[in-house]
mmCIF file of all heavy atoms, coordinates in Angstrom:
data_MODEL
# 
_entry.id   MODEL 
# 
loop_
_atom_site.group_PDB 
_atom_site.id 
_atom_site.type_symbol 
_atom_site.label_atom_id 
_atom_site.label_alt_id 
_atom_site.label_comp_id 
_atom_site.label_asym_id 
_atom_site.label_entity_id 
_atom_site.label_seq_id 
_atom_site.pdbx_PDB_ins_code 
_atom_site.Cartn_x 
_atom_site.Cartn_y 
_atom_site.Cartn_z 
_atom_site.occupancy 
_atom_site.B_iso_or_equiv 
_atom_site.pdbx_formal_charge 
_atom_site.auth_seq_id 
_atom_site.auth_comp_id 
_atom_site.auth_asym_id 
_atom_site.auth_atom_id 
_atom_site.pdbx_PDB_model_num 
ATOM 1   N N   . ALA A 1 1  ? -3.266 -2.408  27.498 1.00 0.00 ? 1  ALA A N   1 
ATOM 2   C CA  . ALA A 1 1  ? -3.481 -1.473  26.396 1.00 0.00 ? 1  ALA A CA  1 
ATOM 3   C C   . ALA A 1 1  ? -2.252 -0.602  26.187 1.00 0.00 ? 1  ALA A C   1 
ATOM 4   O O   . ALA A 1 1  ? -1.548 -0.265  27.139 1.00 0.00 ? 1  ALA A O   1 
ATOM 5   C CB  . ALA A 1 1  ? -4.693 -0.605  26.686 1.00 0.00 ? 1  ALA A CB  1 
ATOM 6   N N   . PRO A 1 2  ? -1.986 -0.224  24.935 1.00 0.00 ? 2  PRO A N   1 
ATOM 7   C CA  . PRO A 1 2  ? -0.923 0.757   24.711 1.00 0.00 ? 2  PRO A CA  1 
ATOM 8   C C   . PRO A 1 2  ? -1.362 2.128   25.207 1.00 0.00 ? 2  PRO A C   1 
ATOM 9   O O   . PRO A 1 2  ? -2.552 2.364   25.459 1.00 0.00 ? 2  PRO A O   1 
ATOM 10  C CB  . PRO A 1 2  ? -0.763 0.741   23.189 1.00 0.00 ? 2  PRO A CB  1 
ATOM 11  C CG  . PRO A 1 2  ? -2.087 0.293   22.674 1.00 0.00 ? 2  PRO A CG  1 
ATOM 12  C CD  . PRO A 1 2  ? -2.642 -0.645  23.704 1.00 0.00 ? 2  PRO A CD  1 
ATOM 13  N N   . THR A 1 3  ? -0.430 3.015   25.347 1.00 0.00 ? 3  THR A N   1 
ATOM 14  C CA  . THR A 1 3  ? -0.733 4.365   25.802 1.00 0.00 ? 3  THR A CA  1 
ATOM 15  C C   . THR A 1 3  ? -0.319 5.366   24.723 1.00 0.00 ? 3  THR A C   1 
ATOM 16  O O   . THR A 1 3  ? 0.555  5.071   23.897 1.00 0.00 ? 3  THR A O   1 
ATOM 17  C CB  . THR A 1 3  ? 0.007  4.682   27.112 1.00 0.00 ? 3  THR A CB  1 
ATOM 18  O OG1 . THR A 1 3  ? 1.419  4.501   26.908 1.00 0.00 ? 3  THR A OG1 1 
ATOM 19  C CG2 . THR A 1 3  ? -0.443 3.743   28.221 1.00 0.00 ? 3  THR A CG2 1 
ATOM 20  N N   . PRO A 1 4  ? -0.944 6.527   24.685 1.00 0.00 ? 4  PRO A N   1 
ATOM 21  C CA  . PRO A 1 4  ? -0.566 7.533   23.694 1.00 0.00 ? 4  PRO A CA  1 
ATOM 22  C C   . PRO A 1 4  ? 0.941  7.793   23.719 1.00 0.00 ? 4  PRO A C   1 
ATOM 23  O O   . PRO A 1 4  ? 1.552  7.936   24.770 1.00 0.00 ? 4  PRO A O   1 
ATOM 24  C CB  . PRO A 1 4  ? -1.368 8.764   24.128 1.00 0.00 ? 4  PRO A CB  1 
ATOM 25  C CG  . PRO A 1 4  ? -2.590 8.182   24.777 1.00 0.00 ? 4  PRO A CG  1 
ATOM 26  C CD  . PRO A 1 4  ? -2.094 6.960   25.505 1.00 0.00 ? 4  PRO A CD  1 
ATOM 27  N N   . GLY A 1 5  ? 1.504  7.823   22.520 1.00 0.00 ? 5  GLY A N   1 
ATOM 28  C CA  . GLY A 1 5  ? 2.943  8.027   22.389 1.00 0.00 ? 5  GLY A CA  1 
ATOM 29  C C   . GLY A 1 5  ? 3.717  6.747   22.175 1.00 0.00 ? 5  GLY A C   1 
ATOM 30  O O   . GLY A 1 5  ? 4.885  6.789   21.743 1.00 0.00 ? 5  GLY A O   1 
ATOM 31  N N   . ASP A 1 6  ? 3.112  5.591   22.472 1.00 0.00 ? 6  ASP A N   1 
ATOM 32  C CA  . ASP A 1 6  ? 3.796  4.313   22.247 1.00 0.00 ? 6  ASP A CA  1 
ATOM 33  C C   . ASP A 1 6  ? 4.077  4.130   20.757 1.00 0.00 ? 6  ASP A C   1 
ATOM 34  O O   . ASP A 1 6  ? 3.251  4.476   19.899 1.00 0.00 ? 6  ASP A O   1 
ATOM 35  C CB  . ASP A 1 6  ? 2.942  3.145   22.730 1.00 0.00 ? 6  ASP A CB  1 
ATOM 36  C CG  . ASP A 1 6  ? 2.975  2.970   24.232 1.00 0.00 ? 6  ASP A CG  1 
ATOM 37  O OD1 . ASP A 1 6  ? 3.727  3.721   24.896 1.00 0.00 ? 6  ASP A OD1 1 
ATOM 38  O OD2 . ASP A 1 6  ? 2.253  2.095   24.745 1.00 0.00 ? 6  ASP A OD2 1 
ATOM 39  N N   . GLU A 1 7  ? 5.231  3.548   20.468 1.00 0.00 ? 7  GLU A N   1 
ATOM 40  C CA  . GLU A 1 7  ? 5.559  3.235   19.079 1.00 0.00 ? 7  GLU A CA  1 
ATOM 41  C C   . GLU A 1 7  ? 5.206  1.787   18.789 1.00 0.00 ? 7  GLU A C   1 
ATOM 42  O O   . GLU A 1 7  ? 5.505  0.880   19.577 1.00 0.00 ? 7  GLU A O   1 
ATOM 43  C CB  . GLU A 1 7  ? 7.046  3.475   18.800 1.00 0.00 ? 7  GLU A CB  1 
ATOM 44  C CG  . GLU A 1 7  ? 7.412  3.226   17.337 1.00 0.00 ? 7  GLU A CG  1 
ATOM 45  C CD  . GLU A 1 7  ? 8.862  3.595   17.011 1.00 0.00 ? 7  GLU A CD  1 
ATOM 46  O OE1 . GLU A 1 7  ? 9.326  4.619   17.529 1.00 0.00 ? 7  GLU A OE1 1 
ATOM 47  O OE2 . GLU A 1 7  ? 9.503  2.843   16.249 1.00 0.00 ? 7  GLU A OE2 1 
ATOM 48  N N   . LEU A 1 8  ? 4.558  1.572   17.661 1.00 0.00 ? 8  LEU A N   1 
ATOM 49  C CA  . LEU A 1 8  ? 4.128  0.250   17.246 1.00 0.00 ? 8  LEU A CA  1 
ATOM 50  C C   . LEU A 1 8  ? 4.674  -0.054  15.857 1.00 0.00 ? 8  LEU A C   1 
ATOM 51  O O   . LEU A 1 8  ? 4.917  0.848   15.056 1.00 0.00 ? 8  LEU A O   1 
ATOM 52  C CB  . LEU A 1 8  ? 2.602  0.166   17.212 1.00 0.00 ? 8  LEU A CB  1 
ATOM 53  C CG  . LEU A 1 8  ? 1.850  0.586   18.473 1.00 0.00 ? 8  LEU A CG  1 
ATOM 54  C CD1 . LEU A 1 8  ? 0.346  0.593   18.218 1.00 0.00 ? 8  LEU A CD1 1 
ATOM 55  C CD2 . LEU A 1 8  ? 2.183  -0.331  19.640 1.00 0.00 ? 8  LEU A CD2 1 
ATOM 56  N N   . LYS A 1 9  ? 4.843  -1.344  15.567 1.00 0.00 ? 9  LYS A N   1 
ATOM 57  C CA  . LYS A 1 9  ? 5.210  -1.787  14.232 1.00 0.00 ? 9  LYS A CA  1 
ATOM 58  C C   . LYS A 1 9  ? 4.006  -2.481  13.614 1.00 0.00 ? 9  LYS A C   1 
ATOM 59  O O   . LYS A 1 9  ? 3.339  -3.283  14.272 1.00 0.00 ? 9  LYS A O   1 
ATOM 60  C CB  . LYS A 1 9  ? 6.383  -2.765  14.293 1.00 0.00 ? 9  LYS A CB  1 
ATOM 61  C CG  . LYS A 1 9  ? 7.752  -2.107  14.393 1.00 0.00 ? 9  LYS A CG  1 
ATOM 62  C CD  . LYS A 1 9  ? 8.227  -1.634  13.026 1.00 0.00 ? 9  LYS A CD  1 
ATOM 63  C CE  . LYS A 1 9  ? 9.693  -1.206  13.082 1.00 0.00 ? 9  LYS A CE  1 
ATOM 64  N NZ  . LYS A 1 9  ? 10.164 -0.733  11.757 1.00 0.00 ? 9  LYS A NZ  1 
ATOM 65  N N   . VAL A 1 10 ? 3.756  -2.168  12.349 1.00 0.00 ? 10 VAL A N   1 
ATOM 66  C CA  . VAL A 1 10 ? 2.694  -2.854  11.619 1.00 0.00 ? 10 VAL A CA  1 
ATOM 67  C C   . VAL A 1 10 ? 3.325  -3.607  10.459 1.00 0.00 ? 10 VAL A C   1 
ATOM 68  O O   . VAL A 1 10 ? 4.370  -3.229  9.935  1.00 0.00 ? 10 VAL A O   1 
ATOM 69  C CB  . VAL A 1 10 ? 1.629  -1.871  11.110 1.00 0.00 ? 10 VAL A CB  1 
ATOM 70  C CG1 . VAL A 1 10 ? 0.914  -1.198  12.264 1.00 0.00 ? 10 VAL A CG1 1 
ATOM 71  C CG2 . VAL A 1 10 ? 2.251  -0.821  10.201 1.00 0.00 ? 10 VAL A CG2 1 
ATOM 72  N N   . ALA A 1 11 ? 2.700  -4.710  10.078 1.00 0.00 ? 11 ALA A N   1 
ATOM 73  C CA  . ALA A 1 11 ? 3.239  -5.528  8.994  1.00 0.00 ? 11 ALA A CA  1 
ATOM 74  C C   . ALA A 1 11 ? 2.111  -5.979  8.089  1.00 0.00 ? 11 ALA A C   1 
ATOM 75  O O   . ALA A 1 11 ? 0.972  -6.158  8.537  1.00 0.00 ? 11 ALA A O   1 
ATOM 76  C CB  . ALA A 1 11 ? 3.984  -6.735  9.557  1.00 0.00 ? 11 ALA A CB  1 
ATOM 77  N N   . GLY A 1 12 ? 2.403  -6.167  6.806  1.00 0.00 ? 12 GLY A N   1 
ATOM 78  C CA  . GLY A 1 12 ? 1.391  -6.642  5.887  1.00 0.00 ? 12 GLY A CA  1 
ATOM 79  C C   . GLY A 1 12 ? 1.926  -6.808  4.478  1.00 0.00 ? 12 GLY A C   1 
ATOM 80  O O   . GLY A 1 12 ? 3.046  -6.400  4.159  1.00 0.00 ? 12 GLY A O   1 
ATOM 81  N N   . PHE A 1 13 ? 1.104  -7.408  3.633  1.00 0.00 ? 13 PHE A N   1 
ATOM 82  C CA  . PHE A 1 13 ? 1.460  -7.684  2.252  1.00 0.00 ? 13 PHE A CA  1 
ATOM 83  C C   . PHE A 1 13 ? 0.765  -6.725  1.284  1.00 0.00 ? 13 PHE A C   1 
ATOM 84  O O   . PHE A 1 13 ? 0.626  -7.010  0.106  1.00 0.00 ? 13 PHE A O   1 
ATOM 85  C CB  . PHE A 1 13 ? 1.082  -9.129  1.892  1.00 0.00 ? 13 PHE A CB  1 
ATOM 86  C CG  . PHE A 1 13 ? 1.976  -10.166 2.519  1.00 0.00 ? 13 PHE A CG  1 
ATOM 87  C CD1 . PHE A 1 13 ? 1.618  -10.784 3.708  1.00 0.00 ? 13 PHE A CD1 1 
ATOM 88  C CD2 . PHE A 1 13 ? 3.172  -10.523 1.917  1.00 0.00 ? 13 PHE A CD2 1 
ATOM 89  C CE1 . PHE A 1 13 ? 2.430  -11.740 4.282  1.00 0.00 ? 13 PHE A CE1 1 
ATOM 90  C CE2 . PHE A 1 13 ? 3.996  -11.477 2.483  1.00 0.00 ? 13 PHE A CE2 1 
ATOM 91  C CZ  . PHE A 1 13 ? 3.640  -12.095 3.673  1.00 0.00 ? 13 PHE A CZ  1 
ATOM 92  N N   . GLY A 1 14 ? 0.290  -5.580  1.792  1.00 0.00 ? 14 GLY A N   1 
ATOM 93  C CA  . GLY A 1 14 ? -0.467 -4.655  0.953  1.00 0.00 ? 14 GLY A CA  1 
ATOM 94  C C   . GLY A 1 14 ? 0.405  -3.826  0.023  1.00 0.00 ? 14 GLY A C   1 
ATOM 95  O O   . GLY A 1 14 ? 1.625  -3.988  -0.062 1.00 0.00 ? 14 GLY A O   1 
ATOM 96  N N   . ARG A 1 15 ? -0.245 -2.914  -0.683 1.00 0.00 ? 15 ARG A N   1 
ATOM 97  C CA  . ARG A 1 15 ? 0.451  -2.053  -1.635 1.00 0.00 ? 15 ARG A CA  1 
ATOM 98  C C   . ARG A 1 15 ? 1.540  -1.227  -0.952 1.00 0.00 ? 15 ARG A C   1 
ATOM 99  O O   . ARG A 1 15 ? 1.512  -1.023  0.256  1.00 0.00 ? 15 ARG A O   1 
ATOM 100 C CB  . ARG A 1 15 ? -0.526 -1.079  -2.292 1.00 0.00 ? 15 ARG A CB  1 
ATOM 101 C CG  . ARG A 1 15 ? -1.631 -1.705  -3.073 1.00 0.00 ? 15 ARG A CG  1 
ATOM 102 C CD  . ARG A 1 15 ? -2.509 -0.601  -3.651 1.00 0.00 ? 15 ARG A CD  1 
ATOM 103 N NE  . ARG A 1 15 ? -3.800 -1.133  -4.048 1.00 0.00 ? 15 ARG A NE  1 
ATOM 104 C CZ  . ARG A 1 15 ? -4.803 -0.376  -4.478 1.00 0.00 ? 15 ARG A CZ  1 
ATOM 105 N NH1 . ARG A 1 15 ? -4.652 0.950   -4.547 1.00 0.00 ? 15 ARG A NH1 1 
ATOM 106 N NH2 . ARG A 1 15 ? -5.946 -0.919  -4.823 1.00 0.00 ? 15 ARG A NH2 1 
ATOM 107 N N   . THR A 1 16 ? 2.425  -0.711  -1.759 1.00 0.00 ? 16 THR A N   1 
ATOM 108 C CA  . THR A 1 16 ? 3.393  0.268   -1.284 1.00 0.00 ? 16 THR A CA  1 
ATOM 109 C C   . THR A 1 16 ? 3.241  1.531   -2.140 1.00 0.00 ? 16 THR A C   1 
ATOM 110 O O   . THR A 1 16 ? 2.294  1.655   -2.922 1.00 0.00 ? 16 THR A O   1 
ATOM 111 C CB  . THR A 1 16 ? 4.833  -0.267  -1.395 1.00 0.00 ? 16 THR A CB  1 
ATOM 112 O OG1 . THR A 1 16 ? 5.173  -0.403  -2.783 1.00 0.00 ? 16 THR A OG1 1 
ATOM 113 C CG2 . THR A 1 16 ? 4.962  -1.596  -0.680 1.00 0.00 ? 16 THR A CG2 1 
ATOM 114 N N   . LYS A 1 17 ? 4.175  2.404   -2.054 1.00 0.00 ? 17 LYS A N   1 
ATOM 115 C CA  . LYS A 1 17 ? 4.133  3.619   -2.863 1.00 0.00 ? 17 LYS A CA  1 
ATOM 116 C C   . LYS A 1 17 ? 4.397  3.315   -4.326 1.00 0.00 ? 17 LYS A C   1 
ATOM 117 O O   . LYS A 1 17 ? 3.897  4.021   -5.230 1.00 0.00 ? 17 LYS A O   1 
ATOM 118 C CB  . LYS A 1 17 ? 5.177  4.610   -2.338 1.00 0.00 ? 17 LYS A CB  1 
ATOM 119 C CG  . LYS A 1 17 ? 5.188  5.963   -3.040 1.00 0.00 ? 17 LYS A CG  1 
ATOM 120 C CD  . LYS A 1 17 ? 6.191  6.891   -2.369 1.00 0.00 ? 17 LYS A CD  1 
ATOM 121 C CE  . LYS A 1 17 ? 6.158  8.266   -3.016 1.00 0.00 ? 17 LYS A CE  1 
ATOM 122 N NZ  . LYS A 1 17 ? 7.103  9.197   -2.347 1.00 0.00 ? 17 LYS A NZ  1 
ATOM 123 N N   . ILE A 1 18 ? 5.131  2.214   -4.573 1.00 0.00 ? 18 ILE A N   1 
ATOM 124 C CA  . ILE A 1 18 ? 5.552  1.941   -5.952 1.00 0.00 ? 18 ILE A CA  1 
ATOM 125 C C   . ILE A 1 18 ? 5.082  0.585   -6.464 1.00 0.00 ? 18 ILE A C   1 
ATOM 126 O O   . ILE A 1 18 ? 5.233  0.296   -7.648 1.00 0.00 ? 18 ILE A O   1 
ATOM 127 C CB  . ILE A 1 18 ? 7.087  2.023   -6.071 1.00 0.00 ? 18 ILE A CB  1 
ATOM 128 C CG1 . ILE A 1 18 ? 7.744  1.037   -5.099 1.00 0.00 ? 18 ILE A CG1 1 
ATOM 129 C CG2 . ILE A 1 18 ? 7.582  3.438   -5.822 1.00 0.00 ? 18 ILE A CG2 1 
ATOM 130 C CD1 . ILE A 1 18 ? 9.263  0.975   -5.216 1.00 0.00 ? 18 ILE A CD1 1 
ATOM 131 N N   . GLU A 1 19 ? 4.519  -0.259  -5.590 1.00 0.00 ? 19 GLU A N   1 
ATOM 132 C CA  . GLU A 1 19 ? 4.086  -1.593  -6.020 1.00 0.00 ? 19 GLU A CA  1 
ATOM 133 C C   . GLU A 1 19 ? 2.615  -1.808  -5.700 1.00 0.00 ? 19 GLU A C   1 
ATOM 134 O O   . GLU A 1 19 ? 2.165  -1.527  -4.590 1.00 0.00 ? 19 GLU A O   1 
ATOM 135 C CB  . GLU A 1 19 ? 4.905  -2.688  -5.321 1.00 0.00 ? 19 GLU A CB  1 
ATOM 136 C CG  . GLU A 1 19 ? 6.360  -2.736  -5.703 1.00 0.00 ? 19 GLU A CG  1 
ATOM 137 C CD  . GLU A 1 19 ? 7.067  -3.859  -4.961 1.00 0.00 ? 19 GLU A CD  1 
ATOM 138 O OE1 . GLU A 1 19 ? 7.339  -3.679  -3.759 1.00 0.00 ? 19 GLU A OE1 1 
ATOM 139 O OE2 . GLU A 1 19 ? 7.323  -4.915  -5.575 1.00 0.00 ? 19 GLU A OE2 1 
ATOM 140 N N   . TRP A 1 20 ? 1.891  -2.348  -6.695 1.00 0.00 ? 20 TRP A N   1 
ATOM 141 C CA  . TRP A 1 20 ? 0.472  -2.623  -6.501 1.00 0.00 ? 20 TRP A CA  1 
ATOM 142 C C   . TRP A 1 20 ? 0.269  -3.918  -5.719 1.00 0.00 ? 20 TRP A C   1 
ATOM 143 O O   . TRP A 1 20 ? -0.595 -4.011  -4.854 1.00 0.00 ? 20 TRP A O   1 
ATOM 144 C CB  . TRP A 1 20 ? -0.214 -2.709  -7.862 1.00 0.00 ? 20 TRP A CB  1 
ATOM 145 C CG  . TRP A 1 20 ? -1.705 -2.690  -7.779 1.00 0.00 ? 20 TRP A CG  1 
ATOM 146 C CD1 . TRP A 1 20 ? -2.529 -3.756  -7.579 1.00 0.00 ? 20 TRP A CD1 1 
ATOM 147 C CD2 . TRP A 1 20 ? -2.550 -1.555  -7.900 1.00 0.00 ? 20 TRP A CD2 1 
ATOM 148 N NE1 . TRP A 1 20 ? -3.836 -3.371  -7.562 1.00 0.00 ? 20 TRP A NE1 1 
ATOM 149 C CE2 . TRP A 1 20 ? -3.885 -2.002  -7.766 1.00 0.00 ? 20 TRP A CE2 1 
ATOM 150 C CE3 . TRP A 1 20 ? -2.320 -0.192  -8.128 1.00 0.00 ? 20 TRP A CE3 1 
ATOM 151 C CZ2 . TRP A 1 20 ? -4.983 -1.151  -7.847 1.00 0.00 ? 20 TRP A CZ2 1 
ATOM 152 C CZ3 . TRP A 1 20 ? -3.412 0.644   -8.208 1.00 0.00 ? 20 TRP A CZ3 1 
ATOM 153 C CH2 . TRP A 1 20 ? -4.729 0.182   -8.062 1.00 0.00 ? 20 TRP A CH2 1 
ATOM 154 N N   . ALA A 1 21 ? 1.038  -4.921  -6.055 1.00 0.00 ? 21 ALA A N   1 
ATOM 155 C CA  . ALA A 1 21 ? 0.911  -6.223  -5.395 1.00 0.00 ? 21 ALA A CA  1 
ATOM 156 C C   . ALA A 1 21 ? 2.301  -6.753  -5.068 1.00 0.00 ? 21 ALA A C   1 
ATOM 157 O O   . ALA A 1 21 ? 2.822  -7.633  -5.749 1.00 0.00 ? 21 ALA A O   1 
ATOM 158 C CB  . ALA A 1 21 ? 0.154  -7.204  -6.281 1.00 0.00 ? 21 ALA A CB  1 
ATOM 159 N N   . PRO A 1 22 ? 2.938  -6.216  -4.022 1.00 0.00 ? 22 PRO A N   1 
ATOM 160 C CA  . PRO A 1 22 ? 4.310  -6.627  -3.699 1.00 0.00 ? 22 PRO A CA  1 
ATOM 161 C C   . PRO A 1 22 ? 4.385  -8.088  -3.254 1.00 0.00 ? 22 PRO A C   1 
ATOM 162 O O   . PRO A 1 22 ? 3.435  -8.620  -2.680 1.00 0.00 ? 22 PRO A O   1 
ATOM 163 C CB  . PRO A 1 22 ? 4.702  -5.691  -2.560 1.00 0.00 ? 22 PRO A CB  1 
ATOM 164 C CG  . PRO A 1 22 ? 3.407  -5.276  -1.953 1.00 0.00 ? 22 PRO A CG  1 
ATOM 165 C CD  . PRO A 1 22 ? 2.420  -5.225  -3.068 1.00 0.00 ? 22 PRO A CD  1 
ATOM 166 N N   . ASN A 1 23 ? 5.510  -8.688  -3.531 1.00 0.00 ? 23 ASN A N   1 
ATOM 167 C CA  . ASN A 1 23 ? 5.727  -10.078 -3.125 1.00 0.00 ? 23 ASN A CA  1 
ATOM 168 C C   . ASN A 1 23 ? 6.364  -10.195 -1.746 1.00 0.00 ? 23 ASN A C   1 
ATOM 169 O O   . ASN A 1 23 ? 6.421  -11.288 -1.186 1.00 0.00 ? 23 ASN A O   1 
ATOM 170 C CB  . ASN A 1 23 ? 6.636  -10.787 -4.137 1.00 0.00 ? 23 ASN A CB  1 
ATOM 171 C CG  . ASN A 1 23 ? 5.897  -11.151 -5.409 1.00 0.00 ? 23 ASN A CG  1 
ATOM 172 O OD1 . ASN A 1 23 ? 4.760  -11.619 -5.349 1.00 0.00 ? 23 ASN A OD1 1 
ATOM 173 N ND2 . ASN A 1 23 ? 6.527  -10.905 -6.562 1.00 0.00 ? 23 ASN A ND2 1 
ATOM 174 N N   . LYS A 1 24 ? 6.849  -9.072  -1.227 1.00 0.00 ? 24 LYS A N   1 
ATOM 175 C CA  . LYS A 1 24 ? 7.541  -9.125  0.057  1.00 0.00 ? 24 LYS A CA  1 
ATOM 176 C C   . LYS A 1 24 ? 6.736  -8.422  1.150  1.00 0.00 ? 24 LYS A C   1 
ATOM 177 O O   . LYS A 1 24 ? 6.080  -7.414  0.906  1.00 0.00 ? 24 LYS A O   1 
ATOM 178 C CB  . LYS A 1 24 ? 8.926  -8.495  -0.064 1.00 0.00 ? 24 LYS A CB  1 
ATOM 179 C CG  . LYS A 1 24 ? 9.877  -9.307  -0.935 1.00 0.00 ? 24 LYS A CG  1 
ATOM 180 C CD  . LYS A 1 24 ? 11.277 -8.713  -0.942 1.00 0.00 ? 24 LYS A CD  1 
ATOM 181 C CE  . LYS A 1 24 ? 12.221 -9.567  -1.770 1.00 0.00 ? 24 LYS A CE  1 
ATOM 182 N NZ  . LYS A 1 24 ? 13.604 -9.024  -1.784 1.00 0.00 ? 24 LYS A NZ  1 
ATOM 183 N N   . LEU A 1 25 ? 6.818  -9.012  2.332  1.00 0.00 ? 25 LEU A N   1 
ATOM 184 C CA  . LEU A 1 25 ? 6.182  -8.418  3.503  1.00 0.00 ? 25 LEU A CA  1 
ATOM 185 C C   . LEU A 1 25 ? 6.884  -7.117  3.863  1.00 0.00 ? 25 LEU A C   1 
ATOM 186 O O   . LEU A 1 25 ? 8.115  -7.051  3.840  1.00 0.00 ? 25 LEU A O   1 
ATOM 187 C CB  . LEU A 1 25 ? 6.265  -9.399  4.676  1.00 0.00 ? 25 LEU A CB  1 
ATOM 188 C CG  . LEU A 1 25 ? 5.682  -8.955  6.017  1.00 0.00 ? 25 LEU A CG  1 
ATOM 189 C CD1 . LEU A 1 25 ? 4.170  -8.839  5.909  1.00 0.00 ? 25 LEU A CD1 1 
ATOM 190 C CD2 . LEU A 1 25 ? 6.054  -9.951  7.102  1.00 0.00 ? 25 LEU A CD2 1 
ATOM 191 N N   . HIS A 1 26 ? 6.109  -6.095  4.169  1.00 0.00 ? 26 HIS A N   1 
ATOM 192 C CA  . HIS A 1 26 ? 6.659  -4.796  4.557  1.00 0.00 ? 26 HIS A CA  1 
ATOM 193 C C   . HIS A 1 26 ? 6.196  -4.426  5.958  1.00 0.00 ? 26 HIS A C   1 
ATOM 194 O O   . HIS A 1 26 ? 5.184  -4.917  6.446  1.00 0.00 ? 26 HIS A O   1 
ATOM 195 C CB  . HIS A 1 26 ? 6.233  -3.704  3.565  1.00 0.00 ? 26 HIS A CB  1 
ATOM 196 C CG  . HIS A 1 26 ? 6.976  -3.755  2.266  1.00 0.00 ? 26 HIS A CG  1 
ATOM 197 N ND1 . HIS A 1 26 ? 6.804  -4.770  1.346  1.00 0.00 ? 26 HIS A ND1 1 
ATOM 198 C CD2 . HIS A 1 26 ? 7.897  -2.912  1.728  1.00 0.00 ? 26 HIS A CD2 1 
ATOM 199 C CE1 . HIS A 1 26 ? 7.585  -4.553  0.305  1.00 0.00 ? 26 HIS A CE1 1 
ATOM 200 N NE2 . HIS A 1 26 ? 8.257  -3.424  0.502  1.00 0.00 ? 26 HIS A NE2 1 
ATOM 201 N N   . THR A 1 27 ? 6.954  -3.551  6.575  1.00 0.00 ? 27 THR A N   1 
ATOM 202 C CA  . THR A 1 27 ? 6.590  -3.041  7.890  1.00 0.00 ? 27 THR A CA  1 
ATOM 203 C C   . THR A 1 27 ? 6.638  -1.522  7.882  1.00 0.00 ? 27 THR A C   1 
ATOM 204 O O   . THR A 1 27 ? 7.250  -0.908  7.000  1.00 0.00 ? 27 THR A O   1 
ATOM 205 C CB  . THR A 1 27 ? 7.548  -3.553  8.990  1.00 0.00 ? 27 THR A CB  1 
ATOM 206 O OG1 . THR A 1 27 ? 8.869  -3.059  8.744  1.00 0.00 ? 27 THR A OG1 1 
ATOM 207 C CG2 . THR A 1 27 ? 7.553  -5.065  9.054  1.00 0.00 ? 27 THR A CG2 1 
# 
């Protein structure tokens, strides 16, 4: 299990601040 304070990266094809349906994977 991770511990409090660990840094993690998340990835997905969801919205961004400026795009509703982006074509590029973001992290």
